Each structure stands twice: as C-alpha cells, then as structure tokens.
Amino acid sequence: MAPDVAGVCVAYAIPTSVGNAVQRNTVRRRLRHAFAANAGSMPAGDVLVRVAASAEKCTWGELSLAVADITNRIGRQTIAAGGDL
C-alpha cells in the first residue's frame, strides 16, 4: 500500500464476486482515481475500502459521487473528533 495524495494510503478489498480480474481491476482503477481526486478532504492515514459486488455495475459518475460522499463524511468526523479518529 503506497501513499497516495495528501498522505492518505488507500487499499482495496475487491472480492471475486465483483467479477473476473478485468472487471475487478476496472473497479480498482476507477476507485483509485476517485479517491485521488477527493484526498484533500480526508485526514492523513490508512483507509481500507471493501467493495460490494454491485460496484461492478456502477458507472464512473456513481462511483465518483459515492467516494466524494465517503471522503466528506470522514473529513467531518475527523473535525468533530478534534482532529483524531
């Protein structure tokens, strides 16, 4: 797990129920891009993303919106906790 943008390291747990290797890698690439675009709203640290089987059917826009929502919630929780989760 290599550090991504802003000191955020993201790992992806993508089960075989998502699809074959090509489909899983497509989902992983889309998620990696979406998290990189939203890393500024997340605190530095490690994140494990567990991907549901339905993610393979999501469009880029749907995945991007879901990641934006998740990163914003993580950022708000960090602020509410005084900077520490």
Protein backbone atom coordinates (compact mmCIF):
# COMPACT_ATOMS: atom_id res chain seq x y z
CA MET A 1 0.00 0.00 0.00
CA ALA A 2 1.81 3.11 -1.21
CA PRO A 3 0.92 6.61 -0.02
CA ASP A 4 -1.46 8.41 -2.31
CA VAL A 5 -2.10 12.15 -2.42
CA ALA A 6 -2.01 14.10 0.88
CA GLY A 7 -0.59 11.22 2.94
CA VAL A 8 -3.65 9.05 2.50
CA CYS A 9 -2.97 5.36 1.81
CA VAL A 10 -5.92 3.51 0.32
CA ALA A 11 -6.13 -0.28 -0.05
CA TYR A 12 -8.95 -2.04 -1.86
CA ALA A 13 -10.56 -5.35 -0.88
CA ILE A 14 -12.31 -6.43 -4.04
CA PRO A 15 -13.81 -9.95 -3.83
CA THR A 16 -14.19 -12.26 -6.79
CA SER A 17 -17.96 -11.75 -6.57
CA VAL A 18 -17.35 -8.36 -8.26
CA GLY A 19 -16.40 -10.19 -11.45
CA ASN A 20 -13.42 -11.52 -13.30
CA ALA A 21 -9.92 -9.99 -13.00
CA VAL A 22 -10.57 -7.44 -15.74
CA GLN A 23 -13.76 -6.21 -14.06
CA ARG A 24 -12.12 -6.07 -10.61
CA ASN A 25 -9.18 -4.09 -11.97
CA THR A 26 -11.51 -1.68 -13.74
CA VAL A 27 -13.32 -1.02 -10.46
CA ARG A 28 -9.97 -0.63 -8.66
CA ARG A 29 -8.70 1.90 -11.23
CA ARG A 30 -11.92 3.92 -11.04
CA LEU A 31 -11.82 3.94 -7.24
CA ARG A 32 -8.13 4.88 -7.17
CA HIS A 33 -8.81 7.86 -9.44
CA ALA A 34 -11.87 8.93 -7.44
CA PHE A 35 -10.02 8.75 -4.11
CA ALA A 36 -7.06 10.70 -5.52
CA ALA A 37 -9.44 13.43 -6.65
CA ASN A 38 -11.01 13.63 -3.16
CA ALA A 39 -7.95 13.01 -0.96
CA GLY A 40 -7.78 16.66 0.09
CA SER A 41 -10.92 16.28 2.20
CA MET A 42 -9.51 13.30 4.12
CA PRO A 43 -7.07 13.27 7.03
CA ALA A 44 -3.69 11.59 6.52
CA GLY A 45 -3.79 7.89 7.33
CA ASP A 46 -4.67 4.46 6.05
CA VAL A 47 -8.03 3.50 4.56
CA LEU A 48 -9.31 0.06 3.60
CA VAL A 49 -12.15 0.10 1.07
CA ARG A 50 -14.29 -3.02 0.94
CA VAL A 51 -16.03 -3.17 -2.40
CA ALA A 52 -19.50 -4.69 -2.77
CA ALA A 53 -20.34 -6.94 -5.70
CA SER A 54 -22.71 -4.29 -7.06
CA ALA A 55 -19.78 -1.87 -7.65
CA GLU A 56 -19.03 -3.54 -10.98
CA LYS A 57 -22.37 -2.32 -12.32
CA CYS A 58 -21.84 1.28 -11.17
CA THR A 59 -20.95 3.97 -13.66
CA TRP A 60 -17.91 6.20 -13.17
CA GLY A 61 -20.23 9.01 -12.04
CA GLU A 62 -21.91 6.83 -9.41
CA LEU A 63 -18.58 5.63 -8.02
CA SER A 64 -17.17 9.14 -8.01
CA LEU A 65 -20.18 10.53 -6.12
CA ALA A 66 -20.02 7.68 -3.59
CA VAL A 67 -16.32 8.30 -2.96
CA ALA A 68 -16.88 12.05 -2.62
CA ASP A 69 -19.60 11.38 -0.04
CA ILE A 70 -17.39 8.96 1.89
CA THR A 71 -14.37 11.25 1.95
CA ASN A 72 -16.51 14.20 3.07
CA ARG A 73 -18.00 12.13 5.91
CA ILE A 74 -14.55 11.00 7.02
CA GLY A 75 -13.35 14.62 6.98
CA ARG A 76 -16.34 15.82 9.02
CA GLN A 77 -15.89 13.03 11.59
CA THR A 78 -12.24 13.98 11.99
CA ILE A 79 -13.11 17.62 12.58
CA ALA A 80 -15.84 16.66 15.09
CA ALA A 81 -13.37 14.43 16.95
CA GLY A 82 -10.89 17.27 17.29
CA GLY A 83 -8.57 16.05 14.57
CA ASP A 84 -8.24 12.41 15.65
CA LEU A 85 -10.37 9.47 14.67
